[in-house]
Amino acid sequence: MFSFLSVTQTHQAQTYQAQIYVTLRPSVLDPAGTAVQSGLKHMGYDNVEQVRIGKYVELVLTASDEAAAREQLDRICDQLLANPVIENYRFELMAVAKK
C-alpha cells in the first residue's frame, strides 16, 4: 500500500517599504511652487528658474511578492494619494529584512 503526502507550497508574505512621490502634471499650474520661487527670488536666489511642489509619502506593506506590492501601490496611489486628472506619481519599493 502506498501513501501520498500532500505537499503544499507556503508563501510567506514579504514586507516592503515604499517611498511615493506625487507631483502635479507639467501642464497644471503650481501656485505653491510659484510662491516659493517668488520668495527665493526676493531672498536673492535669482538663478532658481522653476519650483514644483509635491507630496512625499512613506508606507510599509506586506505582499506575497514584489509584483503584488507594486500592483497594490498603484491602486493606493490611483484611489487615494494622487488625483490622476492633475497629478502624476512614482514610487520606489524596497524589501525590508525581517526582524
Protein backbone atom coordinates (compact mmCIF):
# COMPACT_ATOMS: atom_id res chain seq x y z
CA MET A 1 0.00 0.00 0.00
CA PHE A 2 1.30 3.44 -0.92
CA SER A 3 0.60 6.68 0.87
CA PHE A 4 0.97 10.05 -0.79
CA LEU A 5 1.87 13.14 1.11
CA SER A 6 0.19 16.31 0.08
CA VAL A 7 2.81 18.96 -0.44
CA THR A 8 1.57 22.49 -0.06
CA GLN A 9 3.67 25.40 -1.00
CA THR A 10 3.68 28.12 1.59
CA HIS A 11 4.47 31.65 0.61
CA GLN A 12 5.50 33.91 3.40
CA ALA A 13 4.48 37.50 2.95
CA GLN A 14 7.37 39.87 2.37
CA THR A 15 7.48 43.30 3.97
CA TYR A 16 8.19 46.25 1.69
CA GLN A 17 8.84 49.93 2.28
CA ALA A 18 7.54 52.30 -0.36
CA GLN A 19 8.61 55.87 -0.98
CA ILE A 20 5.90 57.60 -3.00
CA TYR A 21 6.27 60.91 -4.82
CA VAL A 22 3.15 62.75 -6.03
CA THR A 23 3.55 65.81 -8.25
CA LEU A 24 1.34 67.98 -10.36
CA ARG A 25 1.34 67.17 -14.06
CA PRO A 26 3.59 69.54 -16.03
CA SER A 27 0.54 71.06 -17.75
CA VAL A 28 -1.06 72.04 -14.40
CA LEU A 29 -0.20 75.41 -12.87
CA ASP A 30 1.51 75.18 -9.49
CA PRO A 31 0.64 78.27 -7.39
CA ALA A 32 2.55 76.96 -4.35
CA GLY A 33 5.64 76.43 -6.49
CA THR A 34 5.28 79.92 -7.94
CA ALA A 35 5.02 81.41 -4.44
CA VAL A 36 8.18 79.58 -3.31
CA GLN A 37 10.02 80.68 -6.44
CA SER A 38 8.97 84.28 -5.82
CA GLY A 39 10.17 84.05 -2.21
CA LEU A 40 13.50 82.65 -3.33
CA LYS A 41 13.89 85.47 -5.84
CA HIS A 42 13.26 88.02 -3.06
CA MET A 43 15.94 86.28 -0.99
CA GLY A 44 18.44 86.76 -3.79
CA TYR A 45 18.23 83.35 -5.44
CA ASP A 46 17.67 84.70 -8.95
CA ASN A 47 19.14 81.57 -10.52
CA VAL A 48 16.16 79.35 -9.49
CA GLU A 49 14.15 79.05 -12.70
CA GLN A 50 11.28 76.80 -11.63
CA VAL A 51 9.83 75.28 -8.46
CA ARG A 52 7.24 72.49 -8.36
CA ILE A 53 5.71 71.44 -5.04
CA GLY A 54 4.54 67.88 -4.41
CA LYS A 55 3.85 65.30 -1.72
CA TYR A 56 6.10 62.60 -0.30
CA VAL A 57 4.61 59.56 1.42
CA GLU A 58 6.32 56.57 3.06
CA LEU A 59 4.43 53.42 3.86
CA VAL A 60 5.21 49.84 4.84
CA LEU A 61 3.12 46.98 3.49
CA THR A 62 3.23 43.22 3.20
CA ALA A 63 2.61 41.30 -0.01
CA SER A 64 3.26 37.85 -1.41
CA ASP A 65 5.85 39.23 -3.84
CA GLU A 66 7.14 42.44 -5.40
CA ALA A 67 4.66 42.34 -8.29
CA ALA A 68 1.73 42.14 -5.86
CA ALA A 69 3.16 45.00 -3.80
CA ARG A 70 3.56 47.16 -6.92
CA GLU A 71 0.01 46.39 -8.02
CA GLN A 72 -1.36 47.32 -4.60
CA LEU A 73 0.68 50.55 -4.54
CA ASP A 74 -0.67 51.52 -7.96
CA ARG A 75 -4.22 51.09 -6.65
CA ILE A 76 -3.44 53.05 -3.45
CA CYS A 77 -1.96 55.92 -5.45
CA ASP A 78 -4.76 55.97 -8.03
CA GLN A 79 -7.56 55.75 -5.46
CA LEU A 80 -6.25 57.85 -2.57
CA LEU A 81 -2.86 59.51 -2.73
CA ALA A 82 -2.95 61.11 -6.18
CA ASN A 83 -5.61 62.77 -8.28
CA PRO A 84 -4.96 61.09 -11.65
CA VAL A 85 -6.54 64.01 -13.51
CA ILE A 86 -3.95 66.57 -12.36
CA GLU A 87 -1.19 64.60 -10.63
CA ASN A 88 1.47 62.04 -11.52
CA TYR A 89 3.04 59.64 -9.07
CA ARG A 90 6.02 57.36 -8.90
CA PHE A 91 7.31 55.12 -6.17
CA GLU A 92 10.39 53.26 -5.09
CA LEU A 93 9.93 49.90 -3.43
CA MET A 94 12.43 48.12 -1.19
CA ALA A 95 12.15 44.76 0.52
CA VAL A 96 12.61 45.09 4.27
CA ALA A 97 14.52 42.41 6.17
CA LYS A 98 12.50 40.51 8.73
CA LYS A 99 13.40 41.31 12.34
